Amino acid sequence: MLNRVILIGRLTRDPELRYTPAGVAVTQFTLAVDRPFTSNQGQREADFIPVVTWRQLAETCANYLRKGRLAAVEGRIQVRNYDNNEGRRVYVTEIIADNVRFLESANSANRDDSGMGMNGGGGGNSGGGNRGSYGGGREQQDPFQDDGRPIDISDDDLPF
């Protein structure tokens, strides 16, 4: 079985950095990814995909990514659900990122370079998790692996 995703897109807003009660960093942001076709009106459409990063990668993304920046995300799809205030079950599909590559330098993101893309010379900065180029090469463990206790997250912390 395989669950791997690679996306390239632009951030729709600045990443939101939070910490769990155990002190583990978690960042959420949304990536706008163009569809490979145009609509009936000839316009390009995009999907807006929620991305979650954890630990050191979360802090790196919060420090260096900004709205509009081009980034590549590698990770896995996760579907979770919860019951909202009305008692209805809500399903959330998101990408849990293992590796995030910053495809533009901070200077090029501030200029109006419409031709800047993945091969546009900005691929030097990178962040990563377990397998990425950031994180010192040590394996990172799931902070909730042996805990078994529920996570205390308020409705204000949820992205929907």
Protein backbone atom coordinates (compact mmCIF):
# COMPACT_ATOMS: atom_id res chain seq x y z
CA MET A 1 0.00 0.00 0.00
CA LEU A 2 1.22 3.47 -0.84
CA ASN A 3 0.07 6.90 0.31
CA ARG A 4 2.43 9.56 -1.12
CA VAL A 5 1.61 13.00 -2.47
CA ILE A 6 3.79 15.63 -4.14
CA LEU A 7 2.27 19.08 -4.71
CA ILE A 8 3.63 22.36 -6.04
CA GLY A 9 1.64 25.51 -5.44
CA ARG A 10 1.45 28.88 -3.75
CA LEU A 11 0.45 29.59 -0.16
CA THR A 12 -2.93 31.31 0.15
CA ARG A 13 -1.99 32.90 3.50
CA ASP A 14 0.82 32.93 6.03
CA PRO A 15 1.28 29.62 7.92
CA GLU A 16 -0.35 29.39 11.36
CA LEU A 17 2.01 28.05 14.03
CA ARG A 18 0.53 26.52 17.19
CA TYR A 19 1.77 24.21 19.92
CA THR A 20 0.04 21.17 21.39
CA PRO A 21 -0.33 21.01 25.19
CA ALA A 22 2.77 18.79 25.16
CA GLY A 23 4.74 21.58 23.45
CA VAL A 24 4.92 20.03 19.96
CA ALA A 25 4.89 22.58 17.12
CA VAL A 26 2.23 22.22 14.43
CA THR A 27 1.73 24.51 11.45
CA GLN A 28 -1.21 24.67 9.06
CA PHE A 29 -1.36 26.39 5.69
CA THR A 30 -3.25 26.06 2.43
CA LEU A 31 -1.58 25.45 -0.91
CA ALA A 32 -3.27 26.64 -4.13
CA VAL A 33 -2.44 24.09 -6.84
CA ASP A 34 -3.41 24.78 -10.47
CA ARG A 35 -5.48 22.19 -12.29
CA PRO A 36 -3.98 20.93 -15.57
CA PHE A 37 -6.93 22.20 -17.66
CA THR A 38 -9.02 25.33 -18.12
CA SER A 39 -12.72 25.88 -17.44
CA ASN A 40 -15.36 26.40 -20.15
CA GLN A 41 -14.67 30.14 -19.91
CA GLY A 42 -10.95 29.53 -20.61
CA GLN A 43 -9.85 30.31 -17.06
CA ARG A 44 -7.39 28.25 -15.06
CA GLU A 45 -8.88 26.73 -11.89
CA ALA A 46 -7.08 25.70 -8.71
CA ASP A 47 -7.57 23.35 -5.80
CA PHE A 48 -6.96 24.68 -2.29
CA ILE A 49 -5.32 21.92 -0.30
CA PRO A 50 -4.77 22.08 3.47
CA VAL A 51 -1.28 21.09 4.63
CA VAL A 52 -0.12 20.25 8.17
CA THR A 53 3.51 20.12 9.31
CA TRP A 54 4.85 19.01 12.68
CA ARG A 55 7.86 19.66 14.96
CA GLN A 56 10.96 21.35 13.49
CA LEU A 57 9.47 21.42 10.00
CA ALA A 58 6.46 23.32 11.39
CA GLU A 59 8.69 25.98 12.94
CA THR A 60 10.77 26.28 9.77
CA CYS A 61 7.68 26.74 7.61
CA ALA A 62 6.25 29.33 9.99
CA ASN A 63 9.52 31.26 9.95
CA TYR A 64 10.23 31.24 6.22
CA LEU A 65 7.04 30.71 4.22
CA ARG A 66 4.66 33.56 3.48
CA LYS A 67 1.47 34.12 1.51
CA GLY A 68 2.09 33.83 -2.23
CA ARG A 69 5.37 31.91 -1.96
CA LEU A 70 5.88 28.93 -4.28
CA ALA A 71 6.50 25.69 -2.37
CA ALA A 72 6.69 21.96 -3.02
CA VAL A 73 5.14 19.66 -0.43
CA GLU A 74 5.77 15.93 -0.10
CA GLY A 75 3.70 13.90 2.32
CA ARG A 76 0.67 11.70 2.74
CA ILE A 77 -3.09 12.19 2.57
CA GLN A 78 -4.93 11.89 5.87
CA VAL A 79 -8.68 11.88 6.39
CA ARG A 80 -9.97 12.56 9.88
CA ASN A 81 -13.42 13.27 11.26
CA TYR A 82 -15.07 14.83 14.27
CA ASP A 83 -18.55 15.79 15.45
CA ASN A 84 -19.24 19.53 15.20
CA ASN A 85 -21.36 21.65 17.56
CA GLU A 86 -24.57 20.59 15.80
CA GLY A 87 -23.70 16.92 16.29
CA ARG A 88 -22.96 16.34 12.61
CA ARG A 89 -19.95 14.34 11.52
CA VAL A 90 -17.38 16.46 9.61
CA TYR A 91 -14.67 14.88 7.46
CA VAL A 92 -11.38 16.68 6.85
CA THR A 93 -8.89 15.67 4.16
CA GLU A 94 -5.41 17.17 4.51
CA ILE A 95 -1.79 16.55 3.60
CA ILE A 96 0.59 15.65 6.43
CA ALA A 97 3.90 16.96 5.06
CA ASP A 98 7.20 15.13 5.54
CA ASN A 99 9.17 17.52 3.38
CA VAL A 100 8.64 21.10 2.24
CA ARG A 101 10.85 22.79 -0.34
CA PHE A 102 10.87 26.55 -0.70
CA LEU A 103 10.99 27.11 -4.45
CA GLU A 104 11.51 30.87 -4.34
CA SER A 105 13.96 32.93 -2.40
CA ALA A 106 12.52 35.65 -0.16
CA ASN A 107 13.79 38.33 -2.57
CA SER A 108 12.16 36.80 -5.66
CA ALA A 109 8.80 36.50 -3.88
CA ASN A 110 8.77 40.27 -3.30
CA ARG A 111 9.38 41.06 -6.99
CA ASP A 112 6.80 40.60 -9.70
CA ASP A 113 8.50 37.72 -11.55
CA SER A 114 5.64 35.99 -13.30
CA GLY A 115 8.08 33.60 -15.00
CA MET A 116 9.54 32.30 -11.74
CA GLY A 117 8.82 28.62 -11.28
CA MET A 118 10.35 25.41 -10.04
CA ASN A 119 13.35 25.71 -12.38
CA GLY A 120 13.58 29.48 -11.98
CA GLY A 121 16.67 29.51 -9.81
CA GLY A 122 15.01 29.81 -6.43
CA GLY A 123 15.21 26.20 -5.23
CA GLY A 124 18.08 26.59 -2.79
CA ASN A 125 16.13 26.92 0.44
CA SER A 126 14.55 23.80 1.82
CA GLY A 127 12.96 22.42 4.93
CA GLY A 128 12.08 18.88 5.78
CA GLY A 129 11.01 16.36 8.33
CA ASN A 130 12.03 12.73 8.68
CA ARG A 131 13.42 12.33 5.19
CA GLY A 132 13.98 15.94 4.13
CA SER A 133 17.12 17.98 3.98
CA TYR A 134 16.26 19.83 7.18
CA GLY A 135 16.17 18.23 10.60
CA GLY A 136 19.68 16.91 11.13
CA GLY A 137 19.03 13.46 9.65
CA ARG A 138 17.60 12.02 12.85
CA GLU A 139 14.35 10.11 12.78
CA GLN A 140 11.48 11.99 14.42
CA GLN A 141 8.81 10.14 16.36
CA ASP A 142 5.09 10.71 16.63
CA PRO A 143 4.53 12.60 19.92
CA PHE A 144 1.17 10.82 20.42
CA GLN A 145 2.47 7.33 19.67
CA ASP A 146 2.34 5.92 23.21
CA ASP A 147 0.27 8.58 24.91
CA GLY A 148 -3.28 7.33 24.32
CA ARG A 149 -4.82 10.49 25.79
CA PRO A 150 -7.13 12.72 23.70
CA ILE A 151 -5.74 15.98 22.35
CA ASP A 152 -7.31 19.12 23.80
CA ILE A 153 -8.05 21.34 20.78
CA SER A 154 -10.67 24.07 20.91
CA ASP A 155 -13.00 24.83 18.01
CA ASP A 156 -11.01 28.06 17.47
CA ASP A 157 -7.95 25.95 16.59
CA LEU A 158 -9.73 24.09 13.80
CA PRO A 159 -9.22 25.48 10.27
CA PHE A 160 -12.88 25.20 9.24
